[in-house]
mmCIF file of all heavy atoms, coordinates in Angstrom:
data_MODEL
# 
_entry.id   MODEL 
# 
loop_
_atom_site.group_PDB 
_atom_site.id 
_atom_site.type_symbol 
_atom_site.label_atom_id 
_atom_site.label_alt_id 
_atom_site.label_comp_id 
_atom_site.label_asym_id 
_atom_site.label_entity_id 
_atom_site.label_seq_id 
_atom_site.pdbx_PDB_ins_code 
_atom_site.Cartn_x 
_atom_site.Cartn_y 
_atom_site.Cartn_z 
_atom_site.occupancy 
_atom_site.B_iso_or_equiv 
_atom_site.pdbx_formal_charge 
_atom_site.auth_seq_id 
_atom_site.auth_comp_id 
_atom_site.auth_asym_id 
_atom_site.auth_atom_id 
_atom_site.pdbx_PDB_model_num 
ATOM 1   N N   . LEU A 1 1  ? 216.295 264.018 30.898 1.00 0.00 ? 1  LEU A N   1 
ATOM 2   C CA  . LEU A 1 1  ? 217.612 263.525 30.491 1.00 0.00 ? 1  LEU A CA  1 
ATOM 3   C C   . LEU A 1 1  ? 217.497 262.600 29.288 1.00 0.00 ? 1  LEU A C   1 
ATOM 4   O O   . LEU A 1 1  ? 218.189 262.768 28.275 1.00 0.00 ? 1  LEU A O   1 
ATOM 5   C CB  . LEU A 1 1  ? 218.283 262.803 31.667 1.00 0.00 ? 1  LEU A CB  1 
ATOM 6   C CG  . LEU A 1 1  ? 219.597 262.065 31.375 1.00 0.00 ? 1  LEU A CG  1 
ATOM 7   C CD1 . LEU A 1 1  ? 220.695 263.053 31.003 1.00 0.00 ? 1  LEU A CD1 1 
ATOM 8   C CD2 . LEU A 1 1  ? 220.017 261.241 32.594 1.00 0.00 ? 1  LEU A CD2 1 
ATOM 9   N N   . HIS A 1 2  ? 216.592 261.629 29.371 1.00 0.00 ? 2  HIS A N   1 
ATOM 10  C CA  . HIS A 1 2  ? 216.449 260.648 28.295 1.00 0.00 ? 2  HIS A CA  1 
ATOM 11  C C   . HIS A 1 2  ? 215.830 261.265 27.053 1.00 0.00 ? 2  HIS A C   1 
ATOM 12  O O   . HIS A 1 2  ? 216.190 260.898 25.924 1.00 0.00 ? 2  HIS A O   1 
ATOM 13  C CB  . HIS A 1 2  ? 215.631 259.458 28.788 1.00 0.00 ? 2  HIS A CB  1 
ATOM 14  C CG  . HIS A 1 2  ? 216.408 258.513 29.643 1.00 0.00 ? 2  HIS A CG  1 
ATOM 15  N ND1 . HIS A 1 2  ? 216.430 257.151 29.432 1.00 0.00 ? 2  HIS A ND1 1 
ATOM 16  C CD2 . HIS A 1 2  ? 217.223 258.737 30.695 1.00 0.00 ? 2  HIS A CD2 1 
ATOM 17  C CE1 . HIS A 1 2  ? 217.214 256.579 30.331 1.00 0.00 ? 2  HIS A CE1 1 
ATOM 18  N NE2 . HIS A 1 2  ? 217.701 257.531 31.113 1.00 0.00 ? 2  HIS A NE2 1 
ATOM 19  N N   . ALA A 1 3  ? 214.913 262.215 27.231 1.00 0.00 ? 3  ALA A N   1 
ATOM 20  C CA  . ALA A 1 3  ? 214.294 262.858 26.077 1.00 0.00 ? 3  ALA A CA  1 
ATOM 21  C C   . ALA A 1 3  ? 215.324 263.661 25.278 1.00 0.00 ? 3  ALA A C   1 
ATOM 22  O O   . ALA A 1 3  ? 215.370 263.584 24.038 1.00 0.00 ? 3  ALA A O   1 
ATOM 23  C CB  . ALA A 1 3  ? 213.157 263.761 26.530 1.00 0.00 ? 3  ALA A CB  1 
ATOM 24  N N   . ARG A 1 4  ? 216.157 264.424 25.968 1.00 0.00 ? 4  ARG A N   1 
ATOM 25  C CA  . ARG A 1 4  ? 217.166 265.231 25.282 1.00 0.00 ? 4  ARG A CA  1 
ATOM 26  C C   . ARG A 1 4  ? 218.245 264.346 24.660 1.00 0.00 ? 4  ARG A C   1 
ATOM 27  O O   . ARG A 1 4  ? 218.720 264.623 23.544 1.00 0.00 ? 4  ARG A O   1 
ATOM 28  C CB  . ARG A 1 4  ? 217.786 266.236 26.252 1.00 0.00 ? 4  ARG A CB  1 
ATOM 29  C CG  . ARG A 1 4  ? 216.782 267.289 26.741 1.00 0.00 ? 4  ARG A CG  1 
ATOM 30  C CD  . ARG A 1 4  ? 217.400 268.278 27.709 1.00 0.00 ? 4  ARG A CD  1 
ATOM 31  N NE  . ARG A 1 4  ? 218.426 269.085 27.073 1.00 0.00 ? 4  ARG A NE  1 
ATOM 32  C CZ  . ARG A 1 4  ? 219.155 269.992 27.726 1.00 0.00 ? 4  ARG A CZ  1 
ATOM 33  N NH1 . ARG A 1 4  ? 218.950 270.191 29.025 1.00 0.00 ? 4  ARG A NH1 1 
ATOM 34  N NH2 . ARG A 1 4  ? 220.067 270.694 27.089 1.00 0.00 ? 4  ARG A NH2 1 
ATOM 35  N N   . ALA A 1 5  ? 218.598 263.273 25.353 1.00 0.00 ? 5  ALA A N   1 
ATOM 36  C CA  . ALA A 1 5  ? 219.582 262.336 24.798 1.00 0.00 ? 5  ALA A CA  1 
ATOM 37  C C   . ALA A 1 5  ? 219.042 261.659 23.546 1.00 0.00 ? 5  ALA A C   1 
ATOM 38  O O   . ALA A 1 5  ? 219.749 261.524 22.544 1.00 0.00 ? 5  ALA A O   1 
ATOM 39  C CB  . ALA A 1 5  ? 219.967 261.292 25.846 1.00 0.00 ? 5  ALA A CB  1 
ATOM 40  N N   . ALA A 1 6  ? 217.785 261.237 23.599 1.00 0.00 ? 6  ALA A N   1 
ATOM 41  C CA  . ALA A 1 6  ? 217.175 260.584 22.441 1.00 0.00 ? 6  ALA A CA  1 
ATOM 42  C C   . ALA A 1 6  ? 217.134 261.524 21.245 1.00 0.00 ? 6  ALA A C   1 
ATOM 43  O O   . ALA A 1 6  ? 217.339 261.100 20.100 1.00 0.00 ? 6  ALA A O   1 
ATOM 44  C CB  . ALA A 1 6  ? 215.767 260.104 22.785 1.00 0.00 ? 6  ALA A CB  1 
ATOM 45  N N   . GLY A 1 7  ? 216.901 262.802 21.492 1.00 0.00 ? 7  GLY A N   1 
ATOM 46  C CA  . GLY A 1 7  ? 216.845 263.778 20.417 1.00 0.00 ? 7  GLY A CA  1 
ATOM 47  C C   . GLY A 1 7  ? 218.176 263.934 19.705 1.00 0.00 ? 7  GLY A C   1 
ATOM 48  O O   . GLY A 1 7  ? 218.230 263.943 18.465 1.00 0.00 ? 7  GLY A O   1 
ATOM 49  N N   . VAL A 1 8  ? 219.260 264.030 20.468 1.00 0.00 ? 8  VAL A N   1 
ATOM 50  C CA  . VAL A 1 8  ? 220.561 264.214 19.831 1.00 0.00 ? 8  VAL A CA  1 
ATOM 51  C C   . VAL A 1 8  ? 221.031 262.920 19.170 1.00 0.00 ? 8  VAL A C   1 
ATOM 52  O O   . VAL A 1 8  ? 221.688 262.949 18.118 1.00 0.00 ? 8  VAL A O   1 
ATOM 53  C CB  . VAL A 1 8  ? 221.606 264.733 20.845 1.00 0.00 ? 8  VAL A CB  1 
ATOM 54  C CG1 . VAL A 1 8  ? 222.105 263.620 21.766 1.00 0.00 ? 8  VAL A CG1 1 
ATOM 55  C CG2 . VAL A 1 8  ? 222.792 265.362 20.114 1.00 0.00 ? 8  VAL A CG2 1 
ATOM 56  N N   . LEU A 1 9  ? 220.695 261.759 19.729 1.00 0.00 ? 9  LEU A N   1 
ATOM 57  C CA  . LEU A 1 9  ? 221.051 260.481 19.090 1.00 0.00 ? 9  LEU A CA  1 
ATOM 58  C C   . LEU A 1 9  ? 220.321 260.335 17.756 1.00 0.00 ? 9  LEU A C   1 
ATOM 59  O O   . LEU A 1 9  ? 220.880 259.795 16.792 1.00 0.00 ? 9  LEU A O   1 
ATOM 60  C CB  . LEU A 1 9  ? 220.719 259.317 20.019 1.00 0.00 ? 9  LEU A CB  1 
ATOM 61  C CG  . LEU A 1 9  ? 221.611 259.182 21.262 1.00 0.00 ? 9  LEU A CG  1 
ATOM 62  C CD1 . LEU A 1 9  ? 221.043 258.140 22.220 1.00 0.00 ? 9  LEU A CD1 1 
ATOM 63  C CD2 . LEU A 1 9  ? 223.040 258.817 20.864 1.00 0.00 ? 9  LEU A CD2 1 
ATOM 64  N N   . ALA A 1 10 ? 219.087 260.814 17.706 1.00 0.00 ? 10 ALA A N   1 
ATOM 65  C CA  . ALA A 1 10 ? 218.345 260.778 16.445 1.00 0.00 ? 10 ALA A CA  1 
ATOM 66  C C   . ALA A 1 10 ? 219.004 261.699 15.413 1.00 0.00 ? 10 ALA A C   1 
ATOM 67  O O   . ALA A 1 10 ? 219.099 261.350 14.230 1.00 0.00 ? 10 ALA A O   1 
ATOM 68  C CB  . ALA A 1 10 ? 216.894 261.190 16.674 1.00 0.00 ? 10 ALA A CB  1 
ATOM 69  N N   . ARG A 1 11 ? 219.462 262.872 15.858 1.00 0.00 ? 11 ARG A N   1 
ATOM 70  C CA  . ARG A 1 11 ? 220.141 263.789 14.941 1.00 0.00 ? 11 ARG A CA  1 
ATOM 71  C C   . ARG A 1 11 ? 221.429 263.168 14.409 1.00 0.00 ? 11 ARG A C   1 
ATOM 72  O O   . ARG A 1 11 ? 221.801 263.379 13.246 1.00 0.00 ? 11 ARG A O   1 
ATOM 73  C CB  . ARG A 1 11 ? 220.453 265.106 15.652 1.00 0.00 ? 11 ARG A CB  1 
ATOM 74  C CG  . ARG A 1 11 ? 221.119 266.135 14.743 1.00 0.00 ? 11 ARG A CG  1 
ATOM 75  C CD  . ARG A 1 11 ? 221.341 267.459 15.448 1.00 0.00 ? 11 ARG A CD  1 
ATOM 76  N NE  . ARG A 1 11 ? 222.047 268.392 14.579 1.00 0.00 ? 11 ARG A NE  1 
ATOM 77  C CZ  . ARG A 1 11 ? 222.463 269.587 14.961 1.00 0.00 ? 11 ARG A CZ  1 
ATOM 78  N NH1 . ARG A 1 11 ? 222.224 270.019 16.202 1.00 0.00 ? 11 ARG A NH1 1 
ATOM 79  N NH2 . ARG A 1 11 ? 223.110 270.379 14.112 1.00 0.00 ? 11 ARG A NH2 1 
ATOM 80  N N   . LEU A 1 12 ? 222.111 262.386 15.256 1.00 0.00 ? 12 LEU A N   1 
ATOM 81  C CA  . LEU A 1 12 ? 223.329 261.703 14.840 1.00 0.00 ? 12 LEU A CA  1 
ATOM 82  C C   . LEU A 1 12 ? 223.036 260.452 14.014 1.00 0.00 ? 12 LEU A C   1 
ATOM 83  O O   . LEU A 1 12 ? 223.950 259.832 13.486 1.00 0.00 ? 12 LEU A O   1 
ATOM 84  C CB  . LEU A 1 12 ? 224.153 261.306 16.072 1.00 0.00 ? 12 LEU A CB  1 
ATOM 85  C CG  . LEU A 1 12 ? 224.773 262.457 16.872 1.00 0.00 ? 12 LEU A CG  1 
ATOM 86  C CD1 . LEU A 1 12 ? 225.312 261.943 18.201 1.00 0.00 ? 12 LEU A CD1 1 
ATOM 87  C CD2 . LEU A 1 12 ? 225.877 263.135 16.070 1.00 0.00 ? 12 LEU A CD2 1 
ATOM 88  N N   . ASP A 1 13 ? 221.746 260.080 13.929 1.00 0.00 ? 13 ASP A N   1 
ATOM 89  C CA  . ASP A 1 13 ? 221.330 258.878 13.210 1.00 0.00 ? 13 ASP A CA  1 
ATOM 90  C C   . ASP A 1 13 ? 221.952 257.631 13.832 1.00 0.00 ? 13 ASP A C   1 
ATOM 91  O O   . ASP A 1 13 ? 222.366 256.708 13.141 1.00 0.00 ? 13 ASP A O   1 
ATOM 92  C CB  . ASP A 1 13 ? 221.700 258.976 11.728 1.00 0.00 ? 13 ASP A CB  1 
ATOM 93  C CG  . ASP A 1 13 ? 220.956 257.949 10.878 1.00 0.00 ? 13 ASP A CG  1 
ATOM 94  O OD1 . ASP A 1 13 ? 219.884 257.480 11.320 1.00 0.00 ? 13 ASP A OD1 1 
ATOM 95  O OD2 . ASP A 1 13 ? 221.455 257.600 9.788  1.00 0.00 ? 13 ASP A OD2 1 
ATOM 96  N N   . GLU A 1 14 ? 221.999 257.619 15.179 1.00 0.00 ? 14 GLU A N   1 
ATOM 97  C CA  . GLU A 1 14 ? 222.571 256.484 15.906 1.00 0.00 ? 14 GLU A CA  1 
ATOM 98  C C   . GLU A 1 14 ? 221.456 255.690 16.590 1.00 0.00 ? 14 GLU A C   1 
ATOM 99  O O   . GLU A 1 14 ? 220.665 256.251 17.357 1.00 0.00 ? 14 GLU A O   1 
ATOM 100 C CB  . GLU A 1 14 ? 223.575 256.960 16.959 1.00 0.00 ? 14 GLU A CB  1 
ATOM 101 C CG  . GLU A 1 14 ? 224.895 257.416 16.377 1.00 0.00 ? 14 GLU A CG  1 
ATOM 102 C CD  . GLU A 1 14 ? 225.682 256.282 15.758 1.00 0.00 ? 14 GLU A CD  1 
ATOM 103 O OE1 . GLU A 1 14 ? 225.631 255.153 16.280 1.00 0.00 ? 14 GLU A OE1 1 
ATOM 104 O OE2 . GLU A 1 14 ? 226.348 256.519 14.726 1.00 0.00 ? 14 GLU A OE2 1 
ATOM 105 N N   . ASP A 1 15 ? 221.401 254.411 16.316 1.00 0.00 ? 15 ASP A N   1 
ATOM 106 C CA  . ASP A 1 15 ? 220.400 253.528 16.917 1.00 0.00 ? 15 ASP A CA  1 
ATOM 107 C C   . ASP A 1 15 ? 220.923 253.009 18.254 1.00 0.00 ? 15 ASP A C   1 
ATOM 108 O O   . ASP A 1 15 ? 221.292 251.843 18.396 1.00 0.00 ? 15 ASP A O   1 
ATOM 109 C CB  . ASP A 1 15 ? 220.088 252.378 15.967 1.00 0.00 ? 15 ASP A CB  1 
ATOM 110 C CG  . ASP A 1 15 ? 218.939 251.495 16.485 1.00 0.00 ? 15 ASP A CG  1 
ATOM 111 O OD1 . ASP A 1 15 ? 218.171 251.979 17.341 1.00 0.00 ? 15 ASP A OD1 1 
ATOM 112 O OD2 . ASP A 1 15 ? 218.839 250.336 16.029 1.00 0.00 ? 15 ASP A OD2 1 
ATOM 113 N N   . ILE A 1 16 ? 220.979 253.901 19.237 1.00 0.00 ? 16 ILE A N   1 
ATOM 114 C CA  . ILE A 1 16 ? 221.497 253.582 20.569 1.00 0.00 ? 16 ILE A CA  1 
ATOM 115 C C   . ILE A 1 16 ? 220.477 254.040 21.593 1.00 0.00 ? 16 ILE A C   1 
ATOM 116 O O   . ILE A 1 16 ? 219.981 255.165 21.536 1.00 0.00 ? 16 ILE A O   1 
ATOM 117 C CB  . ILE A 1 16 ? 222.846 254.296 20.835 1.00 0.00 ? 16 ILE A CB  1 
ATOM 118 C CG1 . ILE A 1 16 ? 223.890 253.941 19.766 1.00 0.00 ? 16 ILE A CG1 1 
ATOM 119 C CG2 . ILE A 1 16 ? 223.375 253.946 22.222 1.00 0.00 ? 16 ILE A CG2 1 
ATOM 120 C CD1 . ILE A 1 16 ? 225.158 254.765 19.871 1.00 0.00 ? 16 ILE A CD1 1 
ATOM 121 N N   . ARG A 1 17 ? 220.168 253.177 22.563 1.00 0.00 ? 17 ARG A N   1 
ATOM 122 C CA  . ARG A 1 17 ? 219.258 253.556 23.641 1.00 0.00 ? 17 ARG A CA  1 
ATOM 123 C C   . ARG A 1 17 ? 219.982 254.479 24.616 1.00 0.00 ? 17 ARG A C   1 
ATOM 124 O O   . ARG A 1 17 ? 221.140 254.232 24.980 1.00 0.00 ? 17 ARG A O   1 
ATOM 125 C CB  . ARG A 1 17 ? 218.759 252.312 24.375 1.00 0.00 ? 17 ARG A CB  1 
ATOM 126 C CG  . ARG A 1 17 ? 217.785 251.454 23.567 1.00 0.00 ? 17 ARG A CG  1 
ATOM 127 C CD  . ARG A 1 17 ? 217.465 250.172 24.334 1.00 0.00 ? 17 ARG A CD  1 
ATOM 128 N NE  . ARG A 1 17 ? 217.002 250.447 25.698 1.00 0.00 ? 17 ARG A NE  1 
ATOM 129 C CZ  . ARG A 1 17 ? 215.734 250.668 26.022 1.00 0.00 ? 17 ARG A CZ  1 
ATOM 130 N NH1 . ARG A 1 17 ? 214.793 250.638 25.077 1.00 0.00 ? 17 ARG A NH1 1 
ATOM 131 N NH2 . ARG A 1 17 ? 215.391 250.899 27.279 1.00 0.00 ? 17 ARG A NH2 1 
ATOM 132 N N   . PRO A 1 18 ? 219.320 255.542 25.088 1.00 0.00 ? 18 PRO A N   1 
ATOM 133 C CA  . PRO A 1 18 ? 219.959 256.469 26.023 1.00 0.00 ? 18 PRO A CA  1 
ATOM 134 C C   . PRO A 1 18 ? 220.434 255.812 27.318 1.00 0.00 ? 18 PRO A C   1 
ATOM 135 O O   . PRO A 1 18 ? 221.398 256.284 27.926 1.00 0.00 ? 18 PRO A O   1 
ATOM 136 C CB  . PRO A 1 18 ? 218.859 257.501 26.306 1.00 0.00 ? 18 PRO A CB  1 
ATOM 137 C CG  . PRO A 1 18 ? 217.984 257.458 25.096 1.00 0.00 ? 18 PRO A CG  1 
ATOM 138 C CD  . PRO A 1 18 ? 217.985 256.030 24.662 1.00 0.00 ? 18 PRO A CD  1 
ATOM 139 N N   . ASP A 1 19 ? 219.749 254.716 27.735 1.00 0.00 ? 19 ASP A N   1 
ATOM 140 C CA  . ASP A 1 19 ? 220.135 254.077 28.996 1.00 0.00 ? 19 ASP A CA  1 
ATOM 141 C C   . ASP A 1 19 ? 221.208 253.014 28.822 1.00 0.00 ? 19 ASP A C   1 
ATOM 142 O O   . ASP A 1 19 ? 221.588 252.339 29.776 1.00 0.00 ? 19 ASP A O   1 
ATOM 143 C CB  . ASP A 1 19 ? 218.910 253.468 29.692 1.00 0.00 ? 19 ASP A CB  1 
ATOM 144 C CG  . ASP A 1 19 ? 218.182 252.451 28.806 1.00 0.00 ? 19 ASP A CG  1 
ATOM 145 O OD1 . ASP A 1 19 ? 218.602 252.247 27.652 1.00 0.00 ? 19 ASP A OD1 1 
ATOM 146 O OD2 . ASP A 1 19 ? 217.178 251.865 29.284 1.00 0.00 ? 19 ASP A OD2 1 
ATOM 147 N N   . THR A 1 20 ? 221.730 252.848 27.608 1.00 0.00 ? 20 THR A N   1 
ATOM 148 C CA  . THR A 1 20 ? 222.796 251.880 27.366 1.00 0.00 ? 20 THR A CA  1 
ATOM 149 C C   . THR A 1 20 ? 224.064 252.290 28.104 1.00 0.00 ? 20 THR A C   1 
ATOM 150 O O   . THR A 1 20 ? 224.439 253.469 28.121 1.00 0.00 ? 20 THR A O   1 
ATOM 151 C CB  . THR A 1 20 ? 223.101 251.780 25.859 1.00 0.00 ? 20 THR A CB  1 
ATOM 152 O OG1 . THR A 1 20 ? 221.927 251.393 25.161 1.00 0.00 ? 20 THR A OG1 1 
ATOM 153 C CG2 . THR A 1 20 ? 224.204 250.768 25.589 1.00 0.00 ? 20 THR A CG2 1 
ATOM 154 N N   . ARG A 1 21 ? 224.735 251.317 28.724 1.00 0.00 ? 21 ARG A N   1 
ATOM 155 C CA  . ARG A 1 21 ? 226.021 251.598 29.381 1.00 0.00 ? 21 ARG A CA  1 
ATOM 156 C C   . ARG A 1 21 ? 227.051 251.946 28.310 1.00 0.00 ? 21 ARG A C   1 
ATOM 157 O O   . ARG A 1 21 ? 227.241 251.215 27.353 1.00 0.00 ? 21 ARG A O   1 
ATOM 158 C CB  . ARG A 1 21 ? 226.479 250.378 30.179 1.00 0.00 ? 21 ARG A CB  1 
ATOM 159 C CG  . ARG A 1 21 ? 227.827 250.548 30.870 1.00 0.00 ? 21 ARG A CG  1 
ATOM 160 C CD  . ARG A 1 21 ? 228.189 249.294 31.665 1.00 0.00 ? 21 ARG A CD  1 
ATOM 161 N NE  . ARG A 1 21 ? 229.567 249.327 32.099 1.00 0.00 ? 21 ARG A NE  1 
ATOM 162 C CZ  . ARG A 1 21 ? 230.597 248.897 31.372 1.00 0.00 ? 21 ARG A CZ  1 
ATOM 163 N NH1 . ARG A 1 21 ? 230.379 248.406 30.154 1.00 0.00 ? 21 ARG A NH1 1 
ATOM 164 N NH2 . ARG A 1 21 ? 231.830 248.945 31.836 1.00 0.00 ? 21 ARG A NH2 1 
ATOM 165 N N   . LEU A 1 22 ? 227.727 253.075 28.462 1.00 0.00 ? 22 LEU A N   1 
ATOM 166 C CA  . LEU A 1 22 ? 228.634 253.549 27.426 1.00 0.00 ? 22 LEU A CA  1 
ATOM 167 C C   . LEU A 1 22 ? 229.745 252.541 27.142 1.00 0.00 ? 22 LEU A C   1 
ATOM 168 O O   . LEU A 1 22 ? 230.151 252.369 25.993 1.00 0.00 ? 22 LEU A O   1 
ATOM 169 C CB  . LEU A 1 22 ? 229.252 254.890 27.831 1.00 0.00 ? 22 LEU A CB  1 
ATOM 170 C CG  . LEU A 1 22 ? 230.127 255.467 26.714 1.00 0.00 ? 22 LEU A CG  1 
ATOM 171 C CD1 . LEU A 1 22 ? 229.482 256.671 26.089 1.00 0.00 ? 22 LEU A CD1 1 
ATOM 172 C CD2 . LEU A 1 22 ? 231.524 255.771 27.207 1.00 0.00 ? 22 LEU A CD2 1 
ATOM 173 N N   . GLY A 1 23 ? 230.239 251.858 28.173 1.00 0.00 ? 23 GLY A N   1 
ATOM 174 C CA  . GLY A 1 23 ? 231.341 250.922 27.992 1.00 0.00 ? 23 GLY A CA  1 
ATOM 175 C C   . GLY A 1 23 ? 231.014 249.752 27.088 1.00 0.00 ? 23 GLY A C   1 
ATOM 176 O O   . GLY A 1 23 ? 231.923 249.059 26.610 1.00 0.00 ? 23 GLY A O   1 
ATOM 177 N N   . SER A 1 24 ? 229.737 249.515 26.811 1.00 0.00 ? 24 SER A N   1 
ATOM 178 C CA  . SER A 1 24 ? 229.349 248.405 25.942 1.00 0.00 ? 24 SER A CA  1 
ATOM 179 C C   . SER A 1 24 ? 229.353 248.793 24.464 1.00 0.00 ? 24 SER A C   1 
ATOM 180 O O   . SER A 1 24 ? 229.163 247.932 23.599 1.00 0.00 ? 24 SER A O   1 
ATOM 181 C CB  . SER A 1 24 ? 227.951 247.900 26.321 1.00 0.00 ? 24 SER A CB  1 
ATOM 182 O OG  . SER A 1 24 ? 226.960 248.880 26.031 1.00 0.00 ? 24 SER A OG  1 
ATOM 183 N N   . LEU A 1 25 ? 229.587 250.066 24.155 1.00 0.00 ? 25 LEU A N   1 
ATOM 184 C CA  . LEU A 1 25 ? 229.567 250.535 22.770 1.00 0.00 ? 25 LEU A CA  1 
ATOM 185 C C   . LEU A 1 25 ? 230.932 250.368 22.113 1.00 0.00 ? 25 LEU A C   1 
ATOM 186 O O   . LEU A 1 25 ? 231.967 250.292 22.775 1.00 0.00 ? 25 LEU A O   1 
ATOM 187 C CB  . LEU A 1 25 ? 229.171 252.016 22.727 1.00 0.00 ? 25 LEU A CB  1 
ATOM 188 C CG  . LEU A 1 25 ? 227.817 252.404 23.313 1.00 0.00 ? 25 LEU A CG  1 
ATOM 189 C CD1 . LEU A 1 25 ? 227.597 253.899 23.143 1.00 0.00 ? 25 LEU A CD1 1 
ATOM 190 C CD2 . LEU A 1 25 ? 226.689 251.624 22.670 1.00 0.00 ? 25 LEU A CD2 1 
ATOM 191 N N   . SER A 1 26 ? 230.928 250.335 20.785 1.00 0.00 ? 26 SER A N   1 
ATOM 192 C CA  . SER A 1 26 ? 232.170 250.312 20.034 1.00 0.00 ? 26 SER A CA  1 
ATOM 193 C C   . SER A 1 26 ? 232.851 251.673 20.151 1.00 0.00 ? 26 SER A C   1 
ATOM 194 O O   . SER A 1 26 ? 232.232 252.675 20.537 1.00 0.00 ? 26 SER A O   1 
ATOM 195 C CB  . SER A 1 26 ? 231.908 250.007 18.562 1.00 0.00 ? 26 SER A CB  1 
ATOM 196 O OG  . SER A 1 26 ? 231.218 251.090 17.948 1.00 0.00 ? 26 SER A OG  1 
# 
């Protein structure tokens, strides 16, 4: 789960940890 999430976040060029709670994001 975290590996695939990290891959797509890298493609989006987003510096976000996969385990971050979504509600804390802008």
